[in-house]
Structures are given as C-alpha cells and as structure tokens.
Amino acid sequence: MAFAILSITEAQYQALRDAQESHFFELKSADNFEPISKSLSAFGNAEGGRLIVGAADKNSVRGDFAAYPTQEDANGHVSEISKMFHNAPEALDINFLRVENRDGFLVDINVGKSASIIETPARKVFMRLNAQNIELKGTQIQELSWRKGQASYEDVITEEKKNFIDKSKEFARFRDHMIPATTGIEFLDREKLSRDEYATVAGVLLFDDLPQSTVTQSAIKVYRYKTVEAVGERAELAEDPMTIEGPAHHLVYESVRQTKRIIDSITILGLDGLESIKYPPEAIHEIICNAVVHRDYSIHDYVHIRIFDNRVEVQSPGRLAAHITPDNIRRHRFARNKRLVRILNKFPNPPNKDVGEGLRTAFSSMRSLNLQEPIIQERDQSVQVTLRHEPLASKEERIRDYLKEQGTINNSKAREICFERSDSIMRKTFQGMMLANIIERVPGSMGKGAKYRLVDFKV
C-alpha cells in the first residue's frame, strides 16, 4: 500500500509538538507500538482523532524527535494498524511526514468515526475521554457495540413471552394485512423477533399493545414552553408535559398528531399582526419517525419533543450510530434498529415509507416554506434535531418588509419578527442598516424608546 510523503517545516513540526493533547489529538514515540495501538483504538471507538507518531513527549529517552529512521522501519507498525482497522478501512488515513533538516519520518494517522469496534493486537478495547485512553471491559464493550450499531439492543431478549405478543390487538391488526398469511408465532420466530419462548425488544416495541410496561424507556415526552429562550423552565410550561405510549406505529403517528395540535395553537407577531405558526407536516413527521426508529433503546431515557414559540426540538437517546455524523447524515444511511425499520415498513400506512429519504424530505420541506434548514446536533448521549421557525430571509429583509407596512419599528418589535433573543445583536443590526443608509432613527426618539424608519420615509 502506497502512502503520501509530505514535507513540513521545522516551524510546522514545533507547532505539532507544542499542540495540546486533547480528546482529538495525541503524540506518541515510534519506539513502542502498544501505546500507539491504545490511542488508535480509543480514537476509533470515540469520534475519531489525529495521532502523530514520532513526535514524542518531553519525557522520552530519545528527546522530542522519536521518529522512524526510514519508511521501511515504519512498515511493521503500519501493517499492524491496517489489521486493527480491517473492518473499517474507510476510517483510516495514513501519511508520512518529513521534517526539513531532520533525518527520519513521522507517521501522521487520522482516524475517523468507525462503524466497528477497534481492538488492539492484544484484543483490548479503549475509548477516548478528553486526553485519556480508557480501557473498556465486559458490559462496557457490549454497550459500545450497541452505540456503534455493530449489535442492536433491539435483539435483546425480554421477560415477555411471545404467546402474549401473539394475542395482542396490534399484532392482530398487522396480521390482517400480511401477505402471505402466517401464524403469529411462525412470523415472530422467522423474523427473529423472539427466541425460545420470549420476545425480543423489537418484538415488544412493534406488537405489544403497551410496550412501555416492558421497555419502559420507549415512551415519548412532549413539552410546550411559552418562550424563545435556549432552555425551557418549568415556569414557562404552557401545560403539563404529555407522555405518549403505545407500540411503535402508534407512537409515531400519535406524537406527530399531538405536536401538530400544539403548534396550531401558537400565534406569533408577523408583518400583519398575530398569525399562526406553521411548520411543514412532512418535516415534523420525518424527524419524529427518525427519533423512534433510530434511537438507542439501551439508554434509559425517553424521546423528548419540546415545542417553543420559535422552534421545535426533537431529542433522541443515543449518539449517531456507526460512521454517521451530523455532516454526512444526509448522504449516508445506517439503521441501528434494522428489524424495527424493516417490519414497520410492512405495516399498512407505514410511518417510514421512503427508507433513507426521511431527513432529505425534512430539509426540502422546510425550504419549501421559506424556513431555515433543520439543525442536527450530536451530544454526549443523544441527538437533537431542531426545526426553527426562522425565515430564510435575513433580519435586514424582515425589518425592511415590516417598515414598508408599518412605517416604524423599535428593538422589541424587531426581535419578535426576527426571532432574535439578544437586544445587543438587534442594535448591531440597526447600526449596520443605518451605515448602509437603509434606515434612520426617527427624530426625537432615543435610548430604549428609539424607533427607526426607512431612509426614503415620506411624511
């Protein structure tokens, strides 16, 4: 395998040497492969990172330049690294670095988020946490396999007997539409939704009339906050939080229905006074459906839907699985709960009609209503998708359109129509528009009572 040889200056090398080791960056000597393998395992099992081999720490017996004398001397280590990533070669990028006026080679290893668990040659598993490599053992490795989607919690056996599932109303409705006809027990066994006498998590989620009695974390919580603040407080709740329960098919449609009901009750100040808030129904459906079918059911938390005056947040337990990131999620596909996704698609009126198209539909439907695209954020133990009721038009365009209709505007009204919480940001917007000779301050208005009008304002 051929690798690129890149030249760097002494100053660039010193910058690498002086860089702070972190969750995403580390330096190692070329002397010993064991610490190298630990760091690569840790990066591959977390969010990825960069390892420079040959730029040793200050305590190294070889000083700060502990490189490979030749490329051939590095081949053994490079071969071992390739073996570590044999199930995830796409997550590995290796280059050689030559430093001006120095003999030897550094190895620059960039590790991406891996779809597989990365073990060291000693069959140990590490996870990167801040600037440390933490060894995982036993159940921690099992949990990592669930998070990565290498194994799925949906296949875990529950204490619920499959005979109970076979007699449920939800399963009866499903079987009425099954072609060819089959007995319930045969279907559960064939689709790996049961083992021996017991149903799996997927079997319970799909066909138990109340799966939350067994998989307690599978409910959805819906909140309505009368605020635009970043975090909703208890005092800002418009009503008691709602808990939605039921099998997966019902859970999606009922959560969407309740979310739309609440949204339809919200009014905001628009250019023509109070007006109903609108989000594309397709975006709401697809994002809630994604939260139900792709969440990590091994995490004991609900899906949370938070409805604010200016946005809807859908928080789903579990980080993005395998190689999926917020940047590539619209281009790549990976189903953490493959059985749940596949069987739901067999239901009459399946909630996941266009497999793999859900998020793209959400993005395009938001644009069709002239709203900003959804924001996807990955957190420590969850993924949050936010739909903002924020127009594609800039703040300046919103203010100008308002002034054409109403004549004058103040900071408070501008923040309302621009969905902006910050008083200071709004003042800077006004200042920029005045410098551009678009607006001017109304004569006699000052301080907090300042009003603005278009420059071509006519008395």
Protein backbone atom coordinates (compact mmCIF):
# COMPACT_ATOMS: atom_id res chain seq x y z
CA MET A 1 0.00 0.00 0.00
CA ALA A 2 1.45 3.38 -1.02
CA PHE A 3 1.27 6.34 1.34
CA ALA A 4 1.86 10.01 0.60
CA ILE A 5 5.11 11.59 1.80
CA LEU A 6 4.57 15.20 2.85
CA SER A 7 7.25 17.72 3.77
CA ILE A 8 6.81 20.09 6.68
CA THR A 9 8.99 22.89 8.01
CA GLU A 10 10.69 22.94 11.38
CA ALA A 11 8.21 25.59 12.49
CA GLN A 12 5.30 23.34 11.49
CA TYR A 13 6.87 20.46 13.41
CA GLN A 14 7.28 22.63 16.50
CA ALA A 15 3.64 23.65 16.20
CA LEU A 16 2.68 19.95 16.27
CA ARG A 17 4.99 19.36 19.23
CA ASP A 18 3.53 22.28 21.15
CA ALA A 19 -0.12 21.41 20.40
CA GLN A 20 -2.15 20.50 23.46
CA GLU A 21 -3.08 16.83 23.61
CA SER A 22 -6.84 16.53 23.73
CA HIS A 23 -9.87 14.36 23.01
CA PHE A 24 -8.93 14.55 19.30
CA PHE A 25 -5.11 14.82 19.27
CA GLU A 26 -2.10 12.97 20.67
CA LEU A 27 1.64 12.49 20.13
CA LYS A 28 3.47 9.18 20.52
CA SER A 29 7.02 7.92 20.18
CA ALA A 30 7.77 5.39 17.43
CA ASP A 31 9.64 3.19 19.93
CA ASN A 32 6.75 1.11 21.27
CA PHE A 33 3.62 0.02 19.39
CA GLU A 34 1.48 -0.80 22.43
CA PRO A 35 0.72 2.85 23.41
CA ILE A 36 0.20 3.66 19.71
CA SER A 37 -2.39 0.89 19.39
CA LYS A 38 -4.20 2.02 22.55
CA SER A 39 -4.62 5.56 21.20
CA LEU A 40 -5.80 4.35 17.79
CA SER A 41 -8.35 2.02 19.40
CA ALA A 42 -9.55 4.87 21.63
CA PHE A 43 -9.92 7.31 18.72
CA GLY A 44 -11.69 4.75 16.52
CA ASN A 45 -14.16 3.87 19.25
CA ALA A 46 -14.97 7.53 20.00
CA GLU A 47 -15.36 10.36 17.49
CA GLY A 48 -12.01 9.90 15.79
CA GLY A 49 -8.82 11.87 16.16
CA ARG A 50 -5.27 12.51 14.96
CA LEU A 51 -2.15 10.69 16.17
CA ILE A 52 1.38 11.86 15.26
CA VAL A 53 3.84 9.00 15.74
CA GLY A 54 7.47 10.10 16.11
CA ALA A 55 6.92 13.37 17.93
CA ALA A 56 7.49 12.07 21.43
CA ASP A 57 6.56 13.66 24.73
CA LYS A 58 9.21 15.62 26.61
CA ASN A 59 9.99 12.68 28.93
CA SER A 60 11.01 10.36 26.08
CA VAL A 61 14.55 8.95 26.32
CA ARG A 62 15.01 9.92 22.66
CA GLY A 63 14.07 13.53 23.18
CA ASP A 64 11.33 15.33 21.27
CA PHE A 65 12.04 13.63 17.92
CA ALA A 66 11.42 9.90 18.27
CA ALA A 67 10.74 9.15 14.61
CA TYR A 68 11.26 6.12 12.35
CA PRO A 69 14.73 6.21 10.75
CA THR A 70 13.30 5.07 7.37
CA GLN A 71 9.91 4.28 5.84
CA GLU A 72 10.81 0.59 5.94
CA ASP A 73 11.24 0.84 9.71
CA ALA A 74 7.62 2.03 9.97
CA ASN A 75 6.18 -0.76 7.82
CA GLY A 76 5.70 -3.18 10.69
CA HIS A 77 3.65 -0.68 12.67
CA VAL A 78 1.68 0.42 9.61
CA SER A 79 0.83 -3.21 8.86
CA GLU A 80 -0.42 -3.72 12.43
CA ILE A 81 -2.51 -0.55 12.21
CA SER A 82 -4.11 -1.76 8.97
CA LYS A 83 -5.01 -5.05 10.68
CA MET A 84 -6.65 -3.17 13.56
CA PHE A 85 -8.88 -1.34 11.06
CA HIS A 86 -9.54 -4.27 8.71
CA ASN A 87 -13.31 -3.95 9.31
CA ALA A 88 -13.26 -0.16 8.96
CA PRO A 89 -10.57 0.80 6.40
CA GLU A 90 -12.54 3.91 5.44
CA ALA A 91 -11.89 5.31 8.93
CA LEU A 92 -8.11 5.29 8.47
CA ASP A 93 -5.87 7.78 6.66
CA ILE A 94 -2.06 7.49 6.95
CA ASN A 95 0.66 9.80 5.62
CA PHE A 96 4.42 10.07 6.18
CA LEU A 97 5.89 13.41 7.23
CA ARG A 98 9.48 14.58 6.63
CA VAL A 99 10.75 17.49 8.67
CA GLU A 100 13.26 19.80 6.99
CA ASN A 101 16.87 19.31 8.19
CA ARG A 102 15.92 16.23 10.26
CA ASP A 103 16.53 12.58 9.47
CA GLY A 104 13.66 10.15 9.74
CA PHE A 105 9.92 10.02 9.23
CA LEU A 106 6.85 10.82 11.29
CA VAL A 107 3.61 8.92 10.67
CA ASP A 108 0.51 11.12 10.61
CA ILE A 109 -2.58 9.00 11.33
CA ASN A 110 -6.08 10.46 11.02
CA VAL A 111 -8.83 8.25 12.40
CA GLY A 112 -12.48 8.83 11.52
CA LYS A 113 -15.53 7.64 13.39
CA SER A 114 -15.59 3.86 12.95
CA ALA A 115 -18.57 1.63 12.30
CA SER A 116 -16.80 -1.23 14.08
CA ILE A 117 -15.21 -1.73 17.46
CA ILE A 118 -11.45 -1.24 17.10
CA GLU A 119 -9.33 -3.61 19.18
CA THR A 120 -5.60 -3.53 19.85
CA PRO A 121 -3.46 -6.52 18.77
CA ALA A 122 -3.79 -7.65 22.41
CA ARG A 123 -7.61 -7.78 21.88
CA LYS A 124 -8.19 -4.89 24.27
CA VAL A 125 -10.72 -2.10 23.65
CA PHE A 126 -10.15 1.55 24.55
CA MET A 127 -12.29 4.69 24.46
CA ARG A 128 -11.02 8.26 24.20
CA LEU A 129 -12.17 10.52 27.01
CA ASN A 130 -10.67 14.02 26.99
CA ALA A 131 -6.90 13.36 26.69
CA GLN A 132 -7.02 9.85 28.14
CA ASN A 133 -7.42 6.33 26.74
CA ILE A 134 -9.84 4.42 28.96
CA GLU A 135 -9.95 0.62 28.71
CA LEU A 136 -13.44 -0.87 28.36
CA LYS A 137 -14.36 -4.27 29.74
CA GLY A 138 -17.33 -6.63 29.87
CA THR A 139 -20.68 -4.87 29.64
CA GLN A 140 -18.94 -1.63 28.61
CA ILE A 141 -17.86 -3.32 25.36
CA GLN A 142 -21.40 -4.61 24.82
CA GLU A 143 -22.77 -1.10 25.30
CA LEU A 144 -20.21 0.24 22.82
CA SER A 145 -21.34 -2.31 20.22
CA TRP A 146 -24.93 -1.09 20.68
CA ARG A 147 -23.90 2.55 20.32
CA LYS A 148 -21.99 1.81 17.14
CA GLY A 149 -24.78 -0.29 15.69
CA GLN A 150 -22.44 -3.29 15.43
CA ALA A 151 -25.02 -5.07 17.56
CA SER A 152 -28.50 -3.83 18.38
CA TYR A 153 -30.36 -3.66 21.67
CA GLU A 154 -33.49 -4.49 19.68
CA ASP A 155 -32.31 -8.13 19.64
CA VAL A 156 -32.07 -8.42 23.44
CA ILE A 157 -34.49 -10.97 24.89
CA THR A 158 -37.13 -9.57 27.24
CA GLU A 159 -39.09 -11.27 30.02
CA GLU A 160 -42.26 -11.08 27.93
CA LYS A 161 -43.48 -14.36 26.45
CA LYS A 162 -44.11 -14.43 22.72
CA ASN A 163 -47.53 -16.01 23.30
CA PHE A 164 -48.59 -12.74 24.93
CA ILE A 165 -47.44 -10.78 21.86
CA ASP A 166 -49.28 -13.20 19.57
CA LYS A 167 -52.57 -12.30 21.29
CA SER A 168 -52.18 -8.50 21.15
CA LYS A 169 -54.57 -6.23 19.25
CA GLU A 170 -51.68 -4.54 17.45
CA PHE A 171 -50.38 -7.87 16.15
CA ALA A 172 -53.88 -8.86 15.03
CA ARG A 173 -54.23 -5.63 13.01
CA PHE A 174 -50.84 -6.22 11.44
CA ARG A 175 -51.56 -9.85 10.55
CA ASP A 176 -54.84 -8.89 8.85
CA HIS A 177 -52.75 -7.14 6.21
CA MET A 178 -50.00 -9.76 5.94
CA ILE A 179 -49.48 -11.49 2.57
CA PRO A 180 -48.93 -14.40 2.60
CA ALA A 181 -50.86 -15.34 5.70
CA THR A 182 -48.85 -16.82 8.54
CA THR A 183 -49.35 -17.73 12.15
CA GLY A 184 -48.15 -15.18 14.67
CA ILE A 185 -45.62 -17.46 16.36
CA GLU A 186 -44.15 -18.51 13.00
CA PHE A 187 -43.78 -14.88 12.00
CA LEU A 188 -42.09 -13.87 15.27
CA ASP A 189 -39.65 -16.76 15.04
CA ARG A 190 -38.89 -16.27 11.35
CA GLU A 191 -38.27 -12.53 11.72
CA LYS A 192 -36.01 -13.07 14.78
CA LEU A 193 -38.47 -11.17 16.97
CA SER A 194 -38.46 -13.98 19.52
CA ARG A 195 -36.10 -16.59 20.88
CA ASP A 196 -37.25 -19.74 22.62
CA GLU A 197 -40.40 -18.66 24.47
CA TYR A 198 -39.63 -14.96 24.80
CA ALA A 199 -39.99 -11.85 22.64
CA THR A 200 -37.10 -9.56 21.77
CA VAL A 201 -37.10 -5.82 22.42
CA ALA A 202 -38.02 -5.27 18.75
CA GLY A 203 -40.94 -7.70 19.02
CA VAL A 204 -42.25 -5.89 22.08
CA LEU A 205 -41.83 -2.41 20.54
CA LEU A 206 -43.66 -3.45 17.39
CA PHE A 207 -46.53 -5.59 18.65
CA ASP A 208 -47.16 -5.25 22.39
CA ASP A 209 -50.21 -3.06 22.95
CA LEU A 210 -48.29 -1.31 25.74
CA PRO A 211 -44.56 -1.94 25.22
CA GLN A 212 -43.68 0.62 27.91
CA SER A 213 -44.68 -1.92 30.55
CA THR A 214 -41.63 -3.94 29.45
CA VAL A 215 -39.35 -1.46 27.64
CA THR A 216 -40.09 1.45 29.96
CA GLN A 217 -37.83 3.92 28.15
CA SER A 218 -39.73 3.66 24.86
CA ALA A 219 -42.31 6.40 25.59
CA ILE A 220 -42.24 9.95 24.20
CA LYS A 221 -42.50 13.14 26.27
CA VAL A 222 -43.98 16.29 24.72
CA TYR A 223 -43.49 19.73 26.27
CA ARG A 224 -44.85 23.16 25.31
CA TYR A 225 -42.75 26.12 26.52
CA LYS A 226 -44.07 29.67 26.06
CA THR A 227 -40.65 31.21 25.45
CA VAL A 228 -37.88 31.61 22.88
CA GLU A 229 -35.11 31.14 25.46
CA ALA A 230 -32.44 28.49 24.87
CA VAL A 231 -33.69 26.32 27.74
CA GLY A 232 -37.30 25.89 28.79
CA GLU A 233 -38.01 26.28 32.51
CA ARG A 234 -40.84 24.72 34.49
CA ALA A 235 -42.48 28.13 35.00
CA GLU A 236 -42.72 28.57 31.20
CA LEU A 237 -44.64 25.34 30.59
CA ALA A 238 -47.98 26.13 28.96
CA GLU A 239 -49.43 22.80 30.11
CA ASP A 240 -48.31 19.65 31.90
CA PRO A 241 -45.84 17.59 29.87
CA MET A 242 -47.57 14.84 27.93
CA THR A 243 -46.43 11.20 27.94
CA ILE A 244 -47.28 9.24 24.81
CA GLU A 245 -47.20 5.44 24.97
CA GLY A 246 -48.07 2.55 22.71
CA PRO A 247 -46.45 0.35 20.03
CA ALA A 248 -44.02 1.95 17.58
CA HIS A 249 -46.51 2.54 14.71
CA HIS A 250 -48.99 4.25 17.03
CA LEU A 251 -46.21 6.12 18.84
CA VAL A 252 -45.06 7.88 15.67
CA TYR A 253 -48.50 8.94 14.46
CA GLU A 254 -49.84 9.98 17.86
CA SER A 255 -46.72 12.00 18.67
CA VAL A 256 -46.96 13.76 15.31
CA ARG A 257 -50.67 14.46 15.87
CA GLN A 258 -50.11 15.94 19.33
CA THR A 259 -47.14 18.00 18.16
CA LYS A 260 -49.19 19.47 15.29
CA ARG A 261 -52.09 20.19 17.66
CA ILE A 262 -49.85 22.21 19.96
CA ILE A 263 -48.15 24.02 17.08
CA ASP A 264 -51.53 25.02 15.62
CA SER A 265 -52.36 26.77 18.91
CA ILE A 266 -49.29 29.05 18.76
CA THR A 267 -49.51 32.57 17.36
CA ILE A 268 -46.61 34.94 16.74
CA LEU A 269 -46.23 38.54 15.69
CA GLY A 270 -45.84 38.75 11.94
CA LEU A 271 -45.81 41.57 9.45
CA ASP A 272 -49.60 41.74 9.55
CA GLY A 273 -50.03 41.28 13.30
CA LEU A 274 -50.66 37.98 15.08
CA GLU A 275 -50.54 34.95 12.82
CA SER A 276 -50.48 31.18 13.27
CA ILE A 277 -47.13 29.49 13.31
CA LYS A 278 -46.51 26.97 10.52
CA TYR A 279 -44.08 24.10 10.04
CA PRO A 280 -44.19 21.62 7.14
CA PRO A 281 -46.06 18.50 8.33
CA GLU A 282 -43.58 16.32 6.43
CA ALA A 283 -40.65 17.67 8.43
CA ILE A 284 -42.38 17.07 11.77
CA HIS A 285 -43.37 13.53 10.78
CA GLU A 286 -39.97 12.50 9.42
CA ILE A 287 -37.97 13.82 12.36
CA ILE A 288 -40.24 12.21 14.97
CA CYS A 289 -40.26 8.95 12.98
CA ASN A 290 -36.45 9.01 12.82
CA ALA A 291 -36.30 9.53 16.58
CA VAL A 292 -38.47 6.46 17.20
CA VAL A 293 -36.85 4.04 14.74
CA HIS A 294 -33.17 5.06 15.05
CA ARG A 295 -32.84 5.83 18.76
CA ASP A 296 -30.66 3.72 21.07
CA TYR A 297 -33.11 1.71 23.17
CA SER A 298 -30.33 0.58 25.52
CA ILE A 299 -30.35 4.09 27.03
CA HIS A 300 -32.99 4.53 29.70
CA ASP A 301 -34.43 7.83 28.56
CA TYR A 302 -37.43 8.96 26.52
CA VAL A 303 -37.59 10.73 23.20
CA HIS A 304 -38.26 14.37 24.13
CA ILE A 305 -40.25 16.75 21.89
CA ARG A 306 -40.00 20.37 23.06
CA ILE A 307 -42.18 22.97 21.37
CA PHE A 308 -41.10 26.60 21.84
CA ASP A 309 -42.51 29.82 20.41
CA ASN A 310 -39.79 29.85 17.73
CA ARG A 311 -38.69 26.23 17.29
CA VAL A 312 -39.39 22.53 17.78
CA GLU A 313 -36.69 20.31 19.30
CA VAL A 314 -36.73 16.52 18.99
CA GLN A 315 -34.14 14.84 21.21
CA SER A 316 -33.47 11.16 20.62
CA PRO A 317 -31.45 8.98 23.06
CA GLY A 318 -28.12 7.72 21.76
CA ARG A 319 -25.39 9.17 19.58
CA LEU A 320 -25.39 8.66 15.82
CA ALA A 321 -24.53 5.04 15.00
CA ALA A 322 -21.58 3.65 13.05
CA HIS A 323 -19.87 6.15 10.72
CA ILE A 324 -22.79 8.59 10.63
CA THR A 325 -22.07 12.19 11.65
CA PRO A 326 -24.15 15.40 11.53
CA ASP A 327 -22.16 16.37 8.42
CA ASN A 328 -22.77 13.19 6.38
CA ILE A 329 -26.16 12.10 7.69
CA ARG A 330 -28.00 13.35 4.59
CA ARG A 331 -25.72 11.37 2.25
CA HIS A 332 -25.17 8.14 4.17
CA ARG A 333 -27.53 5.56 5.59
CA PHE A 334 -27.26 3.31 8.60
CA ALA A 335 -30.11 1.69 10.53
CA ARG A 336 -29.29 0.97 14.16
CA ASN A 337 -32.55 -0.98 14.61
CA LYS A 338 -32.76 -2.88 11.34
CA ARG A 339 -35.63 -5.17 12.33
CA LEU A 340 -37.71 -2.31 13.67
CA VAL A 341 -37.17 -0.32 10.47
CA ARG A 342 -37.92 -3.26 8.17
CA ILE A 343 -41.04 -4.57 9.93
CA LEU A 344 -42.53 -1.08 10.42
CA ASN A 345 -42.28 -0.66 6.66
CA LYS A 346 -44.57 -3.69 6.24
CA PHE A 347 -47.43 -2.06 8.20
CA PRO A 348 -50.42 -0.57 6.41
CA ASN A 349 -49.65 3.15 6.13
CA PRO A 350 -46.04 2.67 7.27
CA PRO A 351 -44.57 5.72 9.03
CA ASN A 352 -41.21 5.15 7.31
CA LYS A 353 -42.49 4.98 3.74
CA ASP A 354 -39.35 6.16 1.93
CA VAL A 355 -36.49 4.41 3.66
CA GLY A 356 -33.41 6.64 3.75
CA GLU A 357 -35.29 9.67 2.43
CA GLY A 358 -36.68 10.98 5.73
CA LEU A 359 -34.16 13.67 6.58
CA ARG A 360 -33.85 14.82 2.98
CA THR A 361 -37.64 15.25 2.96
CA ALA A 362 -37.45 17.27 6.18
CA PHE A 363 -34.80 19.58 4.73
CA SER A 364 -36.57 20.14 1.42
CA SER A 365 -39.98 20.70 3.04
CA MET A 366 -38.54 23.37 5.37
CA ARG A 367 -37.06 25.19 2.37
CA SER A 368 -40.41 24.96 0.58
CA LEU A 369 -41.95 27.09 3.37
CA ASN A 370 -39.01 29.52 3.18
CA LEU A 371 -37.76 28.35 6.59
CA GLN A 372 -34.21 27.65 7.68
CA GLU A 373 -32.98 24.07 7.33
CA PRO A 374 -33.08 21.76 10.38
CA ILE A 375 -30.12 21.81 12.77
CA ILE A 376 -28.69 18.40 13.74
CA GLN A 377 -26.58 18.30 16.91
CA GLU A 378 -24.84 15.30 18.46
CA ARG A 379 -24.49 15.42 22.23
CA ASP A 380 -22.93 13.15 24.86
CA GLN A 381 -25.85 10.71 24.98
CA SER A 382 -28.33 11.96 22.40
CA VAL A 383 -29.02 13.53 19.02
CA GLN A 384 -31.18 16.63 18.75
CA VAL A 385 -32.88 17.91 15.59
CA THR A 386 -34.21 21.46 15.75
CA LEU A 387 -36.80 22.96 13.39
CA ARG A 388 -36.57 26.75 13.65
CA HIS A 389 -39.44 28.99 12.74
CA GLU A 390 -36.89 31.35 11.25
CA PRO A 391 -37.29 32.58 7.69
CA LEU A 392 -34.62 32.22 5.07
CA ALA A 393 -34.87 35.98 4.69
CA SER A 394 -32.24 37.89 6.67
CA LYS A 395 -33.02 40.09 9.68
CA GLU A 396 -32.45 43.11 7.47
CA GLU A 397 -35.02 41.87 4.95
CA ARG A 398 -37.58 41.17 7.68
CA ILE A 399 -37.09 44.66 9.18
CA ARG A 400 -37.33 46.35 5.79
CA ASP A 401 -40.52 44.44 4.88
CA TYR A 402 -42.04 45.36 8.25
CA LEU A 403 -41.17 49.04 7.80
CA LYS A 404 -42.79 49.10 4.36
CA GLU A 405 -46.05 48.04 6.01
CA GLN A 406 -45.89 49.70 9.43
CA GLY A 407 -43.65 52.75 8.98
CA THR A 408 -41.56 52.50 12.18
CA ILE A 409 -40.04 49.77 14.34
CA ASN A 410 -38.29 49.54 17.70
CA ASN A 411 -35.86 47.00 19.13
CA SER A 412 -38.53 44.94 20.87
CA LYS A 413 -40.70 44.53 17.73
CA ALA A 414 -37.62 43.78 15.61
CA ARG A 415 -36.60 40.97 17.95
CA GLU A 416 -40.10 39.49 17.74
CA ILE A 417 -40.28 39.40 13.95
CA CYS A 418 -36.65 38.27 13.58
CA PHE A 419 -36.91 35.55 16.28
CA GLU A 420 -33.88 37.05 18.00
CA ARG A 421 -33.45 36.96 21.80
CA SER A 422 -30.47 39.32 22.03
CA ASP A 423 -31.06 43.06 22.44
CA SER A 424 -27.42 43.82 21.56
CA ILE A 425 -27.49 41.77 18.33
CA MET A 426 -30.59 43.68 17.25
CA ARG A 427 -28.88 47.02 17.96
CA LYS A 428 -25.91 45.96 15.82
CA THR A 429 -28.34 45.04 13.02
CA PHE A 430 -29.88 48.53 13.22
CA GLN A 431 -26.41 50.13 13.20
CA GLY A 432 -25.41 48.17 10.11
CA MET A 433 -28.59 49.17 8.30
CA MET A 434 -28.03 52.84 9.22
CA LEU A 435 -24.44 52.72 7.96
CA ALA A 436 -25.77 51.23 4.72
CA ASN A 437 -28.24 54.14 4.52
CA ILE A 438 -31.25 51.79 4.58
CA ILE A 439 -32.86 53.09 7.78
CA GLU A 440 -32.58 56.12 10.05
CA ARG A 441 -33.57 56.85 13.63
CA VAL A 442 -36.91 58.63 13.98
CA PRO A 443 -36.15 62.21 15.11
CA GLY A 444 -36.72 62.73 18.84
CA SER A 445 -36.60 59.01 19.73
CA MET A 446 -33.66 57.98 21.89
CA GLY A 447 -32.32 55.22 24.16
CA LYS A 448 -34.76 52.41 24.90
CA GLY A 449 -37.52 54.37 23.17
CA ALA A 450 -35.57 54.62 19.89
CA LYS A 451 -37.56 53.94 16.73
CA TYR A 452 -36.39 53.50 13.17
CA ARG A 453 -37.81 54.14 9.72
CA LEU A 454 -36.73 53.67 6.12
CA VAL A 455 -34.45 56.41 4.78
CA ASP A 456 -36.94 57.16 1.98
CA PHE A 457 -39.72 57.59 4.58
CA LYS A 458 -42.42 60.01 3.34
CA VAL A 459 -44.39 62.22 5.74
